[in-house]
Amino acid sequence: MISDLYYVGYTNNPKRRLEENNTYSYNTFTSKHRPWKLKTFFECGSNERDAIRIERFIKKQKSKKLLEQLCDFDFIPSGFLAQLVIPH
C-alpha cells in the first residue's frame, strides 16, 4: 500500500536519510509508510538550529498544499521560507 503522505525532516545527508527511512527495522510511523521517495530538498545553510526552525514551521502549517508547492520546481519560497535554497 502506498501512502499519500509527505515526510518532512532535516539532515546533512538526504541520500543517507532516505535510505535509513526505507530500511530501519524499527516500528515507527515512517516505517509504516514505506517506500519513501525523495521529491525535493533544500539547503538552509550550515546552522542546524535554522534547519530545525524551518522544519517545525513547515510541520506546523499542516498544509499539503504547501508541501506540494515546495516540491514544484517553479515555486519560489517567500517570507520565512525565503532562506531555503534549491541546491544545484
PDB file of N, CA and C in Angstrom:
ATOM      1  N   MET A   1       0.837  -1.172   0.000  1.00  0.00           N
ATOM      2  CA  MET A   1       0.000   0.000   0.000  1.00  0.00           C
ATOM      3  C   MET A   1       0.890   1.246   0.000  1.00  0.00           C
ATOM      4  N   ILE A   2       0.651   2.147  -0.913  1.00  0.00           N
ATOM      5  CA  ILE A   2       1.418   3.388  -0.986  1.00  0.00           C
ATOM      6  C   ILE A   2       0.624   4.485  -0.284  1.00  0.00           C
ATOM      7  N   SER A   3       1.267   5.136   0.661  1.00  0.00           N
ATOM      8  CA  SER A   3       0.633   6.228   1.404  1.00  0.00           C
ATOM      9  C   SER A   3       0.734   7.517   0.620  1.00  0.00           C
ATOM     10  N   ASP A   4      -0.268   8.364   0.763  1.00  0.00           N
ATOM     11  CA  ASP A   4      -0.277   9.672   0.113  1.00  0.00           C
ATOM     12  C   ASP A   4       0.202  10.713   1.121  1.00  0.00           C
ATOM     13  N   LEU A   5       1.446  10.535   1.579  1.00  0.00           N
ATOM     14  CA  LEU A   5       1.999  11.375   2.631  1.00  0.00           C
ATOM     15  C   LEU A   5       3.327  11.973   2.192  1.00  0.00           C
ATOM     16  N   TYR A   6       3.691  13.032   2.872  1.00  0.00           N
ATOM     17  CA  TYR A   6       4.999  13.652   2.682  1.00  0.00           C
ATOM     18  C   TYR A   6       5.762  13.554   3.998  1.00  0.00           C
ATOM     19  N   TYR A   7       7.049  13.289   3.885  1.00  0.00           N
ATOM     20  CA  TYR A   7       7.933  13.263   5.046  1.00  0.00           C
ATOM     21  C   TYR A   7       8.689  14.579   5.059  1.00  0.00           C
ATOM     22  N   VAL A   8       8.718  15.237   6.198  1.00  0.00           N
ATOM     23  CA  VAL A   8       9.466  16.484   6.354  1.00  0.00           C
ATOM     24  C   VAL A   8      10.485  16.268   7.460  1.00  0.00           C
ATOM     25  N   GLY A   9      11.737  16.533   7.159  1.00  0.00           N
ATOM     26  CA  GLY A   9      12.774  16.375   8.164  1.00  0.00           C
ATOM     27  C   GLY A   9      14.015  17.130   7.731  1.00  0.00           C
ATOM     28  N   TYR A  10      14.969  17.199   8.625  1.00  0.00           N
ATOM     29  CA  TYR A  10      16.225  17.863   8.282  1.00  0.00           C
ATOM     30  C   TYR A  10      17.361  16.880   8.443  1.00  0.00           C
ATOM     31  N   THR A  11      18.392  17.061   7.659  1.00  0.00           N
ATOM     32  CA  THR A  11      19.560  16.196   7.693  1.00  0.00           C
ATOM     33  C   THR A  11      20.699  16.899   6.960  1.00  0.00           C
ATOM     34  N   ASN A  12      21.895  16.431   7.189  1.00  0.00           N
ATOM     35  CA  ASN A  12      23.027  16.945   6.420  1.00  0.00           C
ATOM     36  C   ASN A  12      23.379  15.998   5.271  1.00  0.00           C
ATOM     37  N   ASN A  13      22.577  14.910   5.113  1.00  0.00           N
ATOM     38  CA  ASN A  13      22.824  13.936   4.062  1.00  0.00           C
ATOM     39  C   ASN A  13      21.493  13.319   3.612  1.00  0.00           C
ATOM     40  N   PRO A  14      20.809  13.941   2.648  1.00  0.00           N
ATOM     41  CA  PRO A  14      19.488  13.459   2.234  1.00  0.00           C
ATOM     42  C   PRO A  14      19.463  12.018   1.721  1.00  0.00           C
ATOM     43  N   LYS A  15      20.485  11.611   0.953  1.00  0.00           N
ATOM     44  CA  LYS A  15      20.503  10.231   0.439  1.00  0.00           C
ATOM     45  C   LYS A  15      20.573   9.219   1.574  1.00  0.00           C
ATOM     46  N   ARG A  16      21.433   9.495   2.559  1.00  0.00           N
ATOM     47  CA  ARG A  16      21.559   8.590   3.701  1.00  0.00           C
ATOM     48  C   ARG A  16      20.261   8.531   4.496  1.00  0.00           C
ATOM     49  N   ARG A  17      19.645   9.687   4.710  1.00  0.00           N
ATOM     50  CA  ARG A  17      18.401   9.752   5.486  1.00  0.00           C
ATOM     51  C   ARG A  17      17.279   8.982   4.797  1.00  0.00           C
ATOM     52  N   LEU A  18      17.191   9.106   3.481  1.00  0.00           N
ATOM     53  CA  LEU A  18      16.191   8.357   2.734  1.00  0.00           C
ATOM     54  C   LEU A  18      16.418   6.857   2.888  1.00  0.00           C
ATOM     55  N   GLU A  19      17.652   6.445   2.763  1.00  0.00           N
ATOM     56  CA  GLU A  19      17.999   5.031   2.931  1.00  0.00           C
ATOM     57  C   GLU A  19      17.613   4.550   4.335  1.00  0.00           C
ATOM     58  N   GLU A  20      17.918   5.339   5.343  1.00  0.00           N
ATOM     59  CA  GLU A  20      17.552   4.969   6.717  1.00  0.00           C
ATOM     60  C   GLU A  20      16.040   4.823   6.865  1.00  0.00           C
ATOM     61  N   ASN A  21      15.292   5.786   6.332  1.00  0.00           N
ATOM     62  CA  ASN A  21      13.836   5.740   6.469  1.00  0.00           C
ATOM     63  C   ASN A  21      13.230   4.552   5.740  1.00  0.00           C
ATOM     64  N   ASN A  22      13.892   4.068   4.708  1.00  0.00           N
ATOM     65  CA  ASN A  22      13.371   2.933   3.953  1.00  0.00           C
ATOM     66  C   ASN A  22      13.878   1.584   4.438  1.00  0.00           C
ATOM     67  N   THR A  23      14.861   1.561   5.341  1.00  0.00           N
ATOM     68  CA  THR A  23      15.429   0.272   5.740  1.00  0.00           C
ATOM     69  C   THR A  23      15.442  -0.006   7.240  1.00  0.00           C
ATOM     70  N   TYR A  24      15.369   1.007   8.080  1.00  0.00           N
ATOM     71  CA  TYR A  24      15.425   0.750   9.524  1.00  0.00           C
ATOM     72  C   TYR A  24      14.343  -0.224   9.938  1.00  0.00           C
ATOM     73  N   SER A  25      14.676  -1.095  10.851  1.00  0.00           N
ATOM     74  CA  SER A  25      13.738  -2.130  11.266  1.00  0.00           C
ATOM     75  C   SER A  25      12.831  -1.698  12.415  1.00  0.00           C
ATOM     76  N   TYR A  26      12.997  -0.491  12.911  1.00  0.00           N
ATOM     77  CA  TYR A  26      12.155  -0.014  13.999  1.00  0.00           C
ATOM     78  C   TYR A  26      10.716   0.139  13.533  1.00  0.00           C
ATOM     79  N   ASN A  27       9.768  -0.125  14.430  1.00  0.00           N
ATOM     80  CA  ASN A  27       8.349   0.012  14.131  1.00  0.00           C
ATOM     81  C   ASN A  27       7.934   1.454  14.428  1.00  0.00           C
ATOM     82  N   THR A  28       7.982   2.305  13.411  1.00  0.00           N
ATOM     83  CA  THR A  28       7.700   3.725  13.577  1.00  0.00           C
ATOM     84  C   THR A  28       6.689   4.176  12.531  1.00  0.00           C
ATOM     85  N   PHE A  29       6.209   5.397  12.671  1.00  0.00           N
ATOM     86  CA  PHE A  29       5.325   5.985  11.672  1.00  0.00           C
ATOM     87  C   PHE A  29       5.996   5.927  10.304  1.00  0.00           C
ATOM     88  N   THR A  30       7.263   6.316  10.257  1.00  0.00           N
ATOM     89  CA  THR A  30       7.988   6.351   8.992  1.00  0.00           C
ATOM     90  C   THR A  30       8.072   4.962   8.373  1.00  0.00           C
ATOM     91  N   SER A  31       8.335   3.939   9.177  1.00  0.00           N
ATOM     92  CA  SER A  31       8.482   2.591   8.638  1.00  0.00           C
ATOM     93  C   SER A  31       7.159   2.029   8.125  1.00  0.00           C
ATOM     94  N   LYS A  32       6.054   2.518   8.644  1.00  0.00           N
ATOM     95  CA  LYS A  32       4.735   2.010   8.235  1.00  0.00           C
ATOM     96  C   LYS A  32       4.285   2.571   6.892  1.00  0.00           C
ATOM     97  N   HIS A  33       4.960   3.572   6.388  1.00  0.00           N
ATOM     98  CA  HIS A  33       4.522   4.225   5.150  1.00  0.00           C
ATOM     99  C   HIS A  33       5.579   4.158   4.047  1.00  0.00           C
ATOM    100  N   ARG A  34       6.368   3.114   4.072  1.00  0.00           N
ATOM    101  CA  ARG A  34       7.381   2.890   3.046  1.00  0.00           C
ATOM    102  C   ARG A  34       6.735   2.434   1.748  1.00  0.00           C
ATOM    103  N   PRO A  35       7.387   2.608   0.639  1.00  0.00           N
ATOM    104  CA  PRO A  35       8.695   3.227   0.450  1.00  0.00           C
ATOM    105  C   PRO A  35       8.575   4.739   0.313  1.00  0.00           C
ATOM    106  N   TRP A  36       9.592   5.444   0.803  1.00  0.00           N
ATOM    107  CA  TRP A  36       9.672   6.889   0.669  1.00  0.00           C
ATOM    108  C   TRP A  36      10.499   7.207  -0.570  1.00  0.00           C
ATOM    109  N   LYS A  37      10.110   8.257  -1.267  1.00  0.00           N
ATOM    110  CA  LYS A  37      10.858   8.737  -2.421  1.00  0.00           C
ATOM    111  C   LYS A  37      11.245  10.187  -2.172  1.00  0.00           C
ATOM    112  N   LEU A  38      12.445  10.541  -2.574  1.00  0.00           N
ATOM    113  CA  LEU A  38      12.911  11.910  -2.405  1.00  0.00           C
ATOM    114  C   LEU A  38      12.322  12.771  -3.514  1.00  0.00           C
ATOM    115  N   LYS A  39      11.442  13.689  -3.139  1.00  0.00           N
ATOM    116  CA  LYS A  39      10.802  14.583  -4.109  1.00  0.00           C
ATOM    117  C   LYS A  39      11.618  15.854  -4.289  1.00  0.00           C
ATOM    118  N   THR A  40      12.118  16.388  -3.175  1.00  0.00           N
ATOM    119  CA  THR A  40      12.918  17.610  -3.236  1.00  0.00           C
ATOM    120  C   THR A  40      13.650  17.778  -1.915  1.00  0.00           C
ATOM    121  N   PHE A  41      14.656  18.612  -1.927  1.00  0.00           N
ATOM    122  CA  PHE A  41      15.311  19.019  -0.684  1.00  0.00           C
ATOM    123  C   PHE A  41      15.900  20.399  -0.896  1.00  0.00           C
ATOM    124  N   PHE A  42      16.119  21.083   0.202  1.00  0.00           N
ATOM    125  CA  PHE A  42      16.623  22.448   0.175  1.00  0.00           C
ATOM    126  C   PHE A  42      17.805  22.573   1.114  1.00  0.00           C
ATOM    127  N   GLU A  43      18.657  23.519   0.829  1.00  0.00           N
ATOM    128  CA  GLU A  43      19.721  23.887   1.749  1.00  0.00           C
ATOM    129  C   GLU A  43      19.282  25.139   2.487  1.00  0.00           C
ATOM    130  N   CYS A  44      19.666  25.207   3.744  1.00  0.00           N
ATOM    131  CA  CYS A  44      19.336  26.415   4.514  1.00  0.00           C
ATOM    132  C   CYS A  44      20.541  26.848   5.332  1.00  0.00           C
ATOM    133  N   GLY A  45      21.724  26.616   4.801  1.00  0.00           N
ATOM    134  CA  GLY A  45      22.942  26.995   5.487  1.00  0.00           C
ATOM    135  C   GLY A  45      23.458  25.856   6.350  1.00  0.00           C
ATOM    136  N   SER A  46      24.453  26.148   7.134  1.00  0.00           N
ATOM    137  CA  SER A  46      25.074  25.103   7.946  1.00  0.00           C
ATOM    138  C   SER A  46      24.607  25.148   9.403  1.00  0.00           C
ATOM    139  N   ASN A  47      23.677  26.020   9.709  1.00  0.00           N
ATOM    140  CA  ASN A  47      23.203  26.181  11.072  1.00  0.00           C
ATOM    141  C   ASN A  47      22.055  25.206  11.354  1.00  0.00           C
ATOM    142  N   GLU A  48      22.304  24.210  12.192  1.00  0.00           N
ATOM    143  CA  GLU A  48      21.289  23.200  12.499  1.00  0.00           C
ATOM    144  C   GLU A  48      20.062  23.830  13.148  1.00  0.00           C
ATOM    145  N   ARG A  49      20.254  24.827  13.958  1.00  0.00           N
ATOM    146  CA  ARG A  49      19.137  25.490  14.633  1.00  0.00           C
ATOM    147  C   ARG A  49      18.151  26.076  13.618  1.00  0.00           C
ATOM    148  N   ASP A  50      18.672  26.693  12.551  1.00  0.00           N
ATOM    149  CA  ASP A  50      17.803  27.228  11.499  1.00  0.00           C
ATOM    150  C   ASP A  50      17.039  26.105  10.798  1.00  0.00           C
ATOM    151  N   ALA A  51      17.720  25.012  10.530  1.00  0.00           N
ATOM    152  CA  ALA A  51      17.070  23.873   9.878  1.00  0.00           C
ATOM    153  C   ALA A  51      15.922  23.333  10.738  1.00  0.00           C
ATOM    154  N   ILE A  52      16.133  23.259  12.029  1.00  0.00           N
ATOM    155  CA  ILE A  52      15.089  22.777  12.940  1.00  0.00           C
ATOM    156  C   ILE A  52      13.912  23.745  12.954  1.00  0.00           C
ATOM    157  N   ARG A  53      14.199  25.030  12.975  1.00  0.00           N
ATOM    158  CA  ARG A  53      13.105  26.028  12.961  1.00  0.00           C
ATOM    159  C   ARG A  53      12.280  25.946  11.678  1.00  0.00           C
ATOM    160  N   ILE A  54      12.947  25.769  10.548  1.00  0.00           N
ATOM    161  CA  ILE A  54      12.231  25.658   9.278  1.00  0.00           C
ATOM    162  C   ILE A  54      11.409  24.375   9.240  1.00  0.00           C
ATOM    163  N   GLU A  55      11.991  23.282   9.689  1.00  0.00           N
ATOM    164  CA  GLU A  55      11.260  22.007   9.734  1.00  0.00           C
ATOM    165  C   GLU A  55       9.998  22.154  10.586  1.00  0.00           C
ATOM    166  N   ARG A  56      10.123  22.724  11.757  1.00  0.00           N
ATOM    167  CA  ARG A  56       8.969  22.908  12.648  1.00  0.00           C
ATOM    168  C   ARG A  56       7.924  23.825  12.026  1.00  0.00           C
ATOM    169  N   PHE A  57       8.382  24.890  11.368  1.00  0.00           N
ATOM    170  CA  PHE A  57       7.457  25.811  10.719  1.00  0.00           C
ATOM    171  C   PHE A  57       6.628  25.076   9.662  1.00  0.00           C
ATOM    172  N   ILE A  58       7.304  24.307   8.809  1.00  0.00           N
ATOM    173  CA  ILE A  58       6.598  23.581   7.751  1.00  0.00           C
ATOM    174  C   ILE A  58       5.611  22.589   8.359  1.00  0.00           C
ATOM    175  N   LYS A  59       6.024  21.860   9.376  1.00  0.00           N
ATOM    176  CA  LYS A  59       5.130  20.878  10.001  1.00  0.00           C
ATOM    177  C   LYS A  59       3.932  21.542  10.671  1.00  0.00           C
ATOM    178  N   LYS A  60       4.138  22.688  11.286  1.00  0.00           N
ATOM    179  CA  LYS A  60       3.042  23.388  11.968  1.00  0.00           C
ATOM    180  C   LYS A  60       1.989  23.901  10.993  1.00  0.00           C
ATOM    181  N   GLN A  61       2.374  24.118   9.745  1.00  0.00           N
ATOM    182  CA  GLN A  61       1.412  24.606   8.759  1.00  0.00           C
ATOM    183  C   GLN A  61       0.330  23.561   8.462  1.00  0.00           C
ATOM    184  N   LYS A  62       0.675  22.294   8.644  1.00  0.00           N
ATOM    185  CA  LYS A  62      -0.257  21.187   8.362  1.00  0.00           C
ATOM    186  C   LYS A  62      -0.934  21.388   7.015  1.00  0.00           C
ATOM    187  N   SER A  63      -0.127  21.722   6.028  1.00  0.00           N
ATOM    188  CA  SER A  63      -0.653  22.081   4.718  1.00  0.00           C
ATOM    189  C   SER A  63      -0.068  21.203   3.626  1.00  0.00           C
ATOM    190  N   LYS A  64      -0.896  20.336   3.078  1.00  0.00           N
ATOM    191  CA  LYS A  64      -0.455  19.518   1.960  1.00  0.00           C
ATOM    192  C   LYS A  64      -0.177  20.416   0.750  1.00  0.00           C
ATOM    193  N   LYS A  65      -0.942  21.498   0.617  1.00  0.00           N
ATOM    194  CA  LYS A  65      -0.732  22.434  -0.487  1.00  0.00           C
ATOM    195  C   LYS A  65       0.673  23.034  -0.420  1.00  0.00           C
ATOM    196  N   LEU A  66       1.105  23.432   0.781  1.00  0.00           N
ATOM    197  CA  LEU A  66       2.456  23.970   0.935  1.00  0.00           C
ATOM    198  C   LEU A  66       3.491  22.922   0.557  1.00  0.00           C
ATOM    199  N   LEU A  67       3.310  21.693   1.000  1.00  0.00           N
ATOM    200  CA  LEU A  67       4.264  20.633   0.685  1.00  0.00           C
ATOM    201  C   LEU A  67       4.328  20.389  -0.826  1.00  0.00           C
ATOM    202  N   GLU A  68       3.173  20.419  -1.480  1.00  0.00           N
ATOM    203  CA  GLU A  68       3.163  20.249  -2.931  1.00  0.00           C
ATOM    204  C   GLU A  68       3.850  21.430  -3.625  1.00  0.00           C
ATOM    205  N   GLN A  69       3.659  22.636  -3.092  1.00  0.00           N
ATOM    206  CA  GLN A  69       4.340  23.808  -3.653  1.00  0.00           C
ATOM    207  C   GLN A  69       5.851  23.673  -3.498  1.00  0.00           C
ATOM    208  N   LEU A  70       6.296  23.203  -2.348  1.00  0.00           N
ATOM    209  CA  LEU A  70       7.730  23.047  -2.112  1.00  0.00           C
ATOM    210  C   LEU A  70       8.345  22.011  -3.052  1.00  0.00           C
ATOM    211  N   CYS A  71       7.537  21.073  -3.544  1.00  0.00           N
ATOM    212  CA  CYS A  71       8.015  20.061  -4.490  1.00  0.00           C
ATOM    213  C   CYS A  71       7.960  20.543  -5.933  1.00  0.00           C
ATOM    214  N   ASP A  72       7.335  21.695  -6.172  1.00  0.00           N
ATOM    215  CA  ASP A  72       7.217  22.266  -7.512  1.00  0.00           C
ATOM    216  C   ASP A  72       8.459  23.104  -7.807  1.00  0.00           C
ATOM    217  N   PHE A  73       9.201  22.742  -8.844  1.00  0.00           N
ATOM    218  CA  PHE A  73      10.457  23.429  -9.154  1.00  0.00           C
ATOM    219  C   PHE A  73      10.252  24.896  -9.530  1.00  0.00           C
ATOM    220  N   ASP A  74       9.035  25.272  -9.921  1.00  0.00           N
ATOM    221  CA  ASP A  74       8.762  26.661 -10.276  1.00  0.00           C
ATOM    222  C   ASP A  74       8.384  27.520  -9.071  1.00  0.00           C
ATOM    223  N   PHE A  75       8.134  26.892  -7.939  1.00  0.00           N
ATOM    224  CA  PHE A  75       7.733  27.620  -6.737  1.00  0.00           C
ATOM    225  C   PHE A  75       8.940  28.325  -6.134  1.00  0.00           C
ATOM    226  N   ILE A  76       8.753  29.586  -5.773  1.00  0.00           N
ATOM    227  CA  ILE A  76       9.816  30.364  -5.136  1.00  0.00           C
ATOM    228  C   ILE A  76       9.381  30.653  -3.701  1.00  0.00           C
ATOM    229  N   PRO A  77      10.053  30.032  -2.721  1.00  0.00           N
ATOM    230  CA  PRO A  77       9.678  30.266  -1.320  1.00  0.00           C
ATOM    231  C   PRO A  77       9.822  31.742  -0.953  1.00  0.00           C
ATOM    232  N   SER A  78       8.896  32.213  -0.125  1.00  0.00           N
ATOM    233  CA  SER A  78       8.941  33.605   0.324  1.00  0.00           C
ATOM    234  C   SER A  78       8.695  33.657   1.822  1.00  0.00           C
ATOM    235  N   GLY A  79       8.743  34.854   2.368  1.00  0.00           N
ATOM    236  CA  GLY A  79       8.530  35.021   3.799  1.00  0.00           C
ATOM    237  C   GLY A  79       9.568  34.251   4.592  1.00  0.00           C
ATOM    238  N   PHE A  80       9.137  33.548   5.617  1.00  0.00           N
ATOM    239  CA  PHE A  80      10.035  32.780   6.486  1.00  0.00           C
ATOM    240  C   PHE A  80      10.813  31.737   5.692  1.00  0.00           C
ATOM    241  N   LEU A  81      10.201  31.191   4.638  1.00  0.00           N
ATOM    242  CA  LEU A  81      10.848  30.135   3.852  1.00  0.00           C
ATOM    243  C   LEU A  81      11.786  30.667   2.769  1.00  0.00           C
ATOM    244  N   ALA A  82      11.899  31.982   2.660  1.00  0.00           N
ATOM    245  CA  ALA A  82      12.746  32.578   1.621  1.00  0.00           C
ATOM    246  C   ALA A  82      14.206  32.158   1.756  1.00  0.00           C
ATOM    247  N   GLN A  83      14.614  31.738   2.945  1.00  0.00           N
ATOM    248  CA  GLN A  83      16.008  31.333   3.151  1.00  0.00           C
ATOM    249  C   GLN A  83      16.328  29.954   2.577  1.00  0.00           C
ATOM    250  N   LEU A  84      15.296  29.226   2.109  1.00  0.00           N
ATOM    251  CA  LEU A  84      15.520  27.918   1.507  1.00  0.00           C
ATOM    252  C   LEU A  84      16.158  28.098   0.144  1.00  0.00           C
ATOM    253  N   VAL A  85      17.142  27.268  -0.165  1.00  0.00           N
ATOM    254  CA  VAL A  85      17.844  27.325  -1.431  1.00  0.00           C
ATOM    255  C   VAL A  85      17.818  25.933  -2.062  1.00  0.00           C
ATOM    256  N   ILE A  86      17.397  25.866  -3.321  1.00  0.00           N
ATOM    257  CA  ILE A  86      17.436  24.598  -4.039  1.00  0.00           C
ATOM    258  C   ILE A  86      18.871  24.377  -4.476  1.00  0.00           C
ATOM    259  N   PRO A  87      19.507  23.286  -4.047  1.00  0.00           N
ATOM    260  CA  PRO A  87      20.887  23.050  -4.447  1.00  0.00           C
ATOM    261  C   PRO A  87      20.987  22.740  -5.946  1.00  0.00           C
ATOM    262  N   HIS A  88      22.049  23.194  -6.561  1.00  0.00           N
ATOM    263  CA  HIS A  88      22.234  22.956  -7.998  1.00  0.00           C
ATOM    264  C   HIS A  88      23.188  21.809  -8.233  1.00  0.00           C
TER     265      HIS A  88
END
